[in-house]
Amino acid sequence: MAVAAMILADVSLSTVIWWLLVGLIAGFLASVVMRGGGYGIVGDIIIGIVGAILGGFLAGLLGIGASGFVGTIIIAFIGACILIAILRAVSTRYPRRY
């Protein structure tokens, strides 16, 4: 609990705005590229933020670093595309084609 409080105490409003902006851009681009119907603004932000976490984790495993705003969006975009592919693989809304 103390660790979570320390992490949240260090997060400023501008940091949260950047997370939301990166999440929106990456989620929107991923939904366009993956040809879904989109998830709406909130859904795109969530997909983008979770995709950024996933993409950052995978980039860290591969030893790839992102620098700057564009690099962060690229990593988040790749993670969001992977996340959408996983969601579609486990969802019954998008039937698999053989």
Protein backbone atom coordinates (compact mmCIF):
# COMPACT_ATOMS: atom_id res chain seq x y z
CA MET A 1 0.00 0.00 0.00
CA ALA A 2 2.85 2.36 0.79
CA VAL A 3 4.46 1.71 -2.61
CA ALA A 4 1.22 2.53 -4.43
CA ALA A 5 0.90 5.75 -2.44
CA MET A 6 4.48 6.72 -3.35
CA ILE A 7 3.84 6.03 -7.04
CA LEU A 8 0.59 8.00 -7.08
CA ALA A 9 2.16 10.87 -5.15
CA ASP A 10 4.77 11.23 -7.90
CA VAL A 11 2.20 11.42 -10.73
CA SER A 12 1.33 14.96 -11.76
CA LEU A 13 -1.62 16.19 -13.79
CA SER A 14 0.59 16.76 -16.82
CA THR A 15 1.80 13.14 -16.64
CA VAL A 16 -1.78 11.87 -16.62
CA ILE A 17 -2.63 14.12 -19.57
CA TRP A 18 0.34 12.72 -21.53
CA TRP A 19 -0.78 9.14 -20.71
CA LEU A 20 -4.28 9.94 -21.96
CA LEU A 21 -2.97 11.63 -25.11
CA VAL A 22 -0.58 8.77 -25.96
CA GLY A 23 -3.32 6.25 -25.19
CA LEU A 24 -5.84 8.03 -27.41
CA ILE A 25 -3.46 8.36 -30.35
CA ALA A 26 -2.09 4.81 -30.12
CA GLY A 27 -5.52 3.28 -29.52
CA PHE A 28 -7.10 5.17 -32.41
CA LEU A 29 -4.29 4.28 -34.82
CA ALA A 30 -4.38 0.63 -33.76
CA SER A 31 -8.15 0.42 -34.21
CA VAL A 32 -7.83 1.93 -37.70
CA VAL A 33 -4.98 -0.37 -38.73
CA MET A 34 -6.60 -3.47 -37.25
CA ARG A 35 -9.85 -2.62 -39.11
CA GLY A 36 -12.26 -3.05 -36.29
CA GLY A 37 -15.01 -0.53 -35.87
CA GLY A 38 -13.14 1.31 -33.20
CA TYR A 39 -13.87 1.27 -29.52
CA GLY A 40 -14.91 4.87 -28.99
CA ILE A 41 -12.80 7.54 -27.32
CA VAL A 42 -12.70 5.91 -23.89
CA GLY A 43 -12.11 2.46 -25.35
CA ASP A 44 -9.30 3.74 -27.57
CA ILE A 45 -7.66 5.44 -24.60
CA ILE A 46 -7.86 2.25 -22.53
CA ILE A 47 -6.59 0.09 -25.41
CA GLY A 48 -3.78 2.60 -26.00
CA ILE A 49 -2.69 2.81 -22.36
CA VAL A 50 -2.80 -0.96 -21.82
CA GLY A 51 -1.10 -1.37 -25.20
CA ALA A 52 1.60 1.07 -24.11
CA ILE A 53 2.23 -1.02 -21.00
CA LEU A 54 2.30 -4.22 -23.06
CA GLY A 55 4.48 -2.65 -25.77
CA GLY A 56 6.86 -1.19 -23.20
CA PHE A 57 7.18 -4.55 -21.49
CA LEU A 58 7.88 -6.36 -24.78
CA ALA A 59 10.29 -3.64 -25.95
CA GLY A 60 12.13 -3.96 -22.65
CA LEU A 61 12.45 -7.71 -23.13
CA LEU A 62 13.88 -7.13 -26.60
CA GLY A 63 16.21 -4.38 -25.38
CA ILE A 64 14.52 -1.71 -27.48
CA GLY A 65 14.12 1.73 -25.97
CA ALA A 66 11.77 4.50 -27.01
CA SER A 67 12.80 8.10 -26.76
CA GLY A 68 10.56 11.08 -27.16
CA PHE A 69 6.89 11.44 -27.84
CA VAL A 70 6.91 9.74 -31.26
CA GLY A 71 8.90 6.76 -29.98
CA THR A 72 6.46 6.33 -27.12
CA ILE A 73 3.50 6.41 -29.50
CA ILE A 74 5.15 3.83 -31.79
CA ILE A 75 5.75 1.43 -28.90
CA ALA A 76 2.21 2.03 -27.59
CA PHE A 77 0.78 1.52 -31.09
CA ILE A 78 2.56 -1.83 -31.51
CA GLY A 79 1.39 -2.93 -28.07
CA ALA A 80 -2.17 -1.81 -28.81
CA CYS A 81 -2.20 -3.79 -32.08
CA ILE A 82 -1.00 -6.88 -30.22
CA LEU A 83 -3.64 -6.31 -27.54
CA ILE A 84 -6.43 -5.96 -30.14
CA ALA A 85 -5.26 -9.17 -31.84
CA ILE A 86 -5.35 -10.99 -28.48
CA LEU A 87 -8.79 -9.59 -27.67
CA ARG A 88 -10.12 -10.71 -31.04
CA ALA A 89 -8.60 -14.17 -30.64
CA VAL A 90 -10.45 -14.75 -27.37
CA SER A 91 -13.65 -12.92 -28.34
CA THR A 92 -16.68 -14.58 -29.91
CA ARG A 93 -17.64 -11.33 -31.67
CA TYR A 94 -14.99 -11.86 -34.37
CA PRO A 95 -15.31 -15.45 -35.63
CA ARG A 96 -12.13 -17.14 -36.77
CA ARG A 97 -11.77 -17.82 -40.46
CA TYR A 98 -10.12 -21.07 -41.49
